Amino acid sequence: MGIVIYAPERGKGYGRQGLRLLADRAFLVDGVERLHNDFETTRDAAYHIHRAVGFRETGREGGVIQLELTREDYLRGRV
């Protein structure tokens, strides 16, 4: 998955909003049970956005971080 924000608009919360919209669609409309994303450990902004939405770290290997979010955890966090 990827959310690309035009450089002058970065830091305004759009990435977090986009990730929440993606999770809403996946969990509430499409019935997905789990979302997973891998990216380089150097991408601090991406890491913090994912964590803010509720993703948890499941591993690190070779400079890549693995994150996942389950439907159950996401819906529990929205209450």
N, C-alpha and C. Protein backbone atom coordinates (compact mmCIF):
# COMPACT_ATOMS: atom_id res chain seq x y z
N MET A 1 0.85 -1.17 0.00
CA MET A 1 0.00 0.00 0.00
C MET A 1 0.89 1.22 0.00
N GLY A 2 0.36 2.30 -0.44
CA GLY A 2 1.13 3.53 -0.45
C GLY A 2 0.23 4.74 -0.48
N ILE A 3 0.61 5.71 0.28
CA ILE A 3 -0.10 6.99 0.29
C ILE A 3 0.96 8.04 0.00
N VAL A 4 0.82 8.74 -1.11
CA VAL A 4 1.79 9.74 -1.49
C VAL A 4 1.17 11.12 -1.28
N ILE A 5 1.88 11.93 -0.51
CA ILE A 5 1.42 13.29 -0.21
C ILE A 5 2.35 14.28 -0.90
N TYR A 6 1.79 15.20 -1.63
CA TYR A 6 2.53 16.27 -2.28
C TYR A 6 3.37 16.99 -1.23
N ALA A 7 4.65 17.20 -1.52
CA ALA A 7 5.61 17.70 -0.53
C ALA A 7 5.13 18.91 0.28
N PRO A 8 4.58 19.96 -0.33
CA PRO A 8 4.15 21.12 0.47
C PRO A 8 3.00 20.82 1.44
N GLU A 9 2.32 19.71 1.24
CA GLU A 9 1.18 19.36 2.09
C GLU A 9 1.54 18.37 3.20
N ARG A 10 2.79 17.93 3.23
CA ARG A 10 3.21 16.96 4.25
C ARG A 10 3.20 17.57 5.64
N GLY A 11 2.97 16.72 6.62
CA GLY A 11 2.96 17.17 8.01
C GLY A 11 1.63 17.76 8.45
N LYS A 12 0.60 17.62 7.64
CA LYS A 12 -0.71 18.18 7.96
C LYS A 12 -1.73 17.11 8.35
N GLY A 13 -1.29 15.85 8.50
CA GLY A 13 -2.18 14.79 8.93
C GLY A 13 -2.90 14.04 7.83
N TYR A 14 -2.60 14.37 6.57
CA TYR A 14 -3.29 13.71 5.47
C TYR A 14 -2.92 12.23 5.35
N GLY A 15 -1.67 11.90 5.63
CA GLY A 15 -1.24 10.50 5.56
C GLY A 15 -2.00 9.64 6.56
N ARG A 16 -2.16 10.13 7.77
CA ARG A 16 -2.91 9.42 8.80
C ARG A 16 -4.38 9.27 8.38
N GLN A 17 -4.95 10.35 7.86
CA GLN A 17 -6.34 10.29 7.39
C GLN A 17 -6.49 9.28 6.27
N GLY A 18 -5.55 9.27 5.34
CA GLY A 18 -5.60 8.34 4.22
C GLY A 18 -5.49 6.90 4.69
N LEU A 19 -4.60 6.64 5.65
CA LEU A 19 -4.44 5.29 6.16
C LEU A 19 -5.69 4.84 6.91
N ARG A 20 -6.32 5.75 7.63
CA ARG A 20 -7.58 5.41 8.31
C ARG A 20 -8.68 5.11 7.30
N LEU A 21 -8.76 5.88 6.23
CA LEU A 21 -9.75 5.61 5.19
C LEU A 21 -9.52 4.24 4.56
N LEU A 22 -8.24 3.93 4.31
CA LEU A 22 -7.91 2.62 3.75
C LEU A 22 -8.33 1.51 4.71
N ALA A 23 -8.03 1.67 6.00
CA ALA A 23 -8.40 0.66 7.00
C ALA A 23 -9.92 0.55 7.13
N ASP A 24 -10.61 1.68 7.14
CA ASP A 24 -12.08 1.64 7.19
C ASP A 24 -12.63 0.83 6.02
N ARG A 25 -12.14 1.12 4.84
CA ARG A 25 -12.62 0.40 3.65
C ARG A 25 -12.32 -1.10 3.76
N ALA A 26 -11.10 -1.41 4.12
CA ALA A 26 -10.68 -2.81 4.20
C ALA A 26 -11.48 -3.58 5.24
N PHE A 27 -11.63 -3.02 6.43
CA PHE A 27 -12.26 -3.74 7.53
C PHE A 27 -13.79 -3.64 7.53
N LEU A 28 -14.33 -2.49 7.19
CA LEU A 28 -15.77 -2.28 7.31
C LEU A 28 -16.55 -2.61 6.03
N VAL A 29 -15.91 -2.49 4.89
CA VAL A 29 -16.60 -2.72 3.63
C VAL A 29 -16.19 -4.05 3.00
N ASP A 30 -14.89 -4.29 2.93
CA ASP A 30 -14.38 -5.46 2.21
C ASP A 30 -14.21 -6.70 3.08
N GLY A 31 -14.33 -6.56 4.39
CA GLY A 31 -14.24 -7.72 5.28
C GLY A 31 -12.84 -8.29 5.45
N VAL A 32 -11.81 -7.49 5.19
CA VAL A 32 -10.43 -7.93 5.38
C VAL A 32 -10.18 -8.16 6.87
N GLU A 33 -9.44 -9.19 7.20
CA GLU A 33 -9.16 -9.51 8.61
C GLU A 33 -7.87 -8.88 9.12
N ARG A 34 -6.91 -8.61 8.22
CA ARG A 34 -5.60 -8.13 8.65
C ARG A 34 -4.94 -7.33 7.54
N LEU A 35 -4.36 -6.18 7.90
CA LEU A 35 -3.54 -5.39 6.98
C LEU A 35 -2.09 -5.54 7.40
N HIS A 36 -1.20 -5.55 6.44
CA HIS A 36 0.22 -5.73 6.70
C HIS A 36 0.98 -4.77 5.79
N ASN A 37 2.03 -4.15 6.32
CA ASN A 37 2.86 -3.29 5.50
C ASN A 37 4.31 -3.44 5.92
N ASP A 38 5.20 -3.45 4.95
CA ASP A 38 6.65 -3.50 5.16
C ASP A 38 7.25 -2.26 4.52
N PHE A 39 8.22 -1.65 5.19
CA PHE A 39 8.98 -0.57 4.59
C PHE A 39 10.30 -0.40 5.33
N GLU A 40 11.17 0.42 4.78
CA GLU A 40 12.50 0.61 5.33
C GLU A 40 12.42 1.24 6.73
N THR A 41 13.31 0.81 7.61
CA THR A 41 13.32 1.32 8.99
C THR A 41 13.66 2.81 9.04
N THR A 42 14.20 3.36 7.98
CA THR A 42 14.57 4.78 7.95
C THR A 42 13.36 5.69 7.72
N ARG A 43 12.21 5.13 7.40
CA ARG A 43 11.03 5.94 7.10
C ARG A 43 10.25 6.24 8.39
N ASP A 44 10.80 7.15 9.19
CA ASP A 44 10.24 7.47 10.49
C ASP A 44 8.80 7.99 10.41
N ALA A 45 8.51 8.85 9.46
CA ALA A 45 7.15 9.40 9.35
C ALA A 45 6.14 8.29 9.07
N ALA A 46 6.48 7.39 8.16
CA ALA A 46 5.58 6.28 7.85
C ALA A 46 5.36 5.41 9.09
N TYR A 47 6.43 5.16 9.82
CA TYR A 47 6.32 4.34 11.04
C TYR A 47 5.34 4.99 12.03
N HIS A 48 5.51 6.27 12.28
CA HIS A 48 4.67 6.96 13.27
C HIS A 48 3.21 7.06 12.82
N ILE A 49 2.97 7.25 11.54
CA ILE A 49 1.60 7.29 11.03
C ILE A 49 0.93 5.93 11.23
N HIS A 50 1.63 4.87 10.89
CA HIS A 50 1.07 3.52 11.07
C HIS A 50 0.77 3.23 12.54
N ARG A 51 1.70 3.60 13.41
CA ARG A 51 1.50 3.36 14.84
C ARG A 51 0.31 4.18 15.36
N ALA A 52 0.16 5.40 14.88
CA ALA A 52 -0.96 6.25 15.31
C ALA A 52 -2.31 5.66 14.92
N VAL A 53 -2.34 4.94 13.82
CA VAL A 53 -3.59 4.32 13.35
C VAL A 53 -3.85 3.00 14.07
N GLY A 54 -2.82 2.42 14.70
CA GLY A 54 -3.01 1.20 15.46
C GLY A 54 -2.19 0.00 15.01
N PHE A 55 -1.39 0.16 13.96
CA PHE A 55 -0.53 -0.93 13.52
C PHE A 55 0.46 -1.27 14.63
N ARG A 56 0.81 -2.54 14.72
CA ARG A 56 1.84 -2.95 15.67
C ARG A 56 3.00 -3.56 14.90
N GLU A 57 4.17 -3.41 15.46
CA GLU A 57 5.38 -3.94 14.84
C GLU A 57 5.42 -5.45 15.05
N THR A 58 5.64 -6.18 13.96
CA THR A 58 5.72 -7.64 14.06
C THR A 58 7.12 -8.16 13.78
N GLY A 59 8.02 -7.29 13.32
CA GLY A 59 9.39 -7.73 13.10
C GLY A 59 10.22 -6.71 12.35
N ARG A 60 11.53 -6.96 12.38
CA ARG A 60 12.51 -6.17 11.62
C ARG A 60 13.55 -7.13 11.08
N GLU A 61 13.89 -6.92 9.83
CA GLU A 61 14.89 -7.78 9.21
C GLU A 61 15.49 -7.08 8.01
N GLY A 62 16.81 -7.04 7.95
CA GLY A 62 17.49 -6.48 6.79
C GLY A 62 17.13 -5.04 6.50
N GLY A 63 16.92 -4.23 7.53
CA GLY A 63 16.58 -2.83 7.33
C GLY A 63 15.13 -2.58 6.96
N VAL A 64 14.30 -3.61 7.11
CA VAL A 64 12.87 -3.49 6.79
C VAL A 64 12.07 -3.79 8.05
N ILE A 65 11.06 -2.98 8.27
CA ILE A 65 10.17 -3.17 9.41
C ILE A 65 8.85 -3.75 8.90
N GLN A 66 8.28 -4.67 9.65
CA GLN A 66 6.99 -5.26 9.31
C GLN A 66 5.96 -4.79 10.34
N LEU A 67 4.84 -4.30 9.86
CA LEU A 67 3.75 -3.83 10.72
C LEU A 67 2.45 -4.49 10.29
N GLU A 68 1.56 -4.70 11.24
CA GLU A 68 0.24 -5.24 10.89
C GLU A 68 -0.83 -4.65 11.80
N LEU A 69 -2.04 -4.72 11.29
CA LEU A 69 -3.21 -4.25 12.01
C LEU A 69 -4.34 -5.24 11.75
N THR A 70 -4.91 -5.76 12.83
CA THR A 70 -6.03 -6.69 12.66
C THR A 70 -7.34 -5.91 12.71
N ARG A 71 -8.33 -6.49 12.10
CA ARG A 71 -9.68 -5.90 12.12
C ARG A 71 -10.15 -5.71 13.56
N GLU A 72 -9.95 -6.73 14.37
CA GLU A 72 -10.38 -6.68 15.77
C GLU A 72 -9.70 -5.53 16.52
N ASP A 73 -8.40 -5.39 16.38
CA ASP A 73 -7.68 -4.30 17.07
C ASP A 73 -8.14 -2.94 16.57
N TYR A 74 -8.34 -2.82 15.26
CA TYR A 74 -8.74 -1.54 14.69
C TYR A 74 -10.13 -1.13 15.19
N LEU A 75 -11.06 -2.06 15.15
CA LEU A 75 -12.41 -1.74 15.58
C LEU A 75 -12.47 -1.48 17.08
N ARG A 76 -11.68 -2.18 17.85
CA ARG A 76 -11.63 -1.96 19.30
C ARG A 76 -11.11 -0.55 19.60
N GLY A 77 -10.13 -0.09 18.82
CA GLY A 77 -9.56 1.22 19.02
C GLY A 77 -10.48 2.36 18.63
N ARG A 78 -11.49 2.08 17.83
CA ARG A 78 -12.40 3.12 17.35
C ARG A 78 -13.53 3.39 18.33
N VAL A 79 -13.71 2.53 19.32
CA VAL A 79 -14.84 2.70 20.25
C VAL A 79 -14.55 3.80 21.24
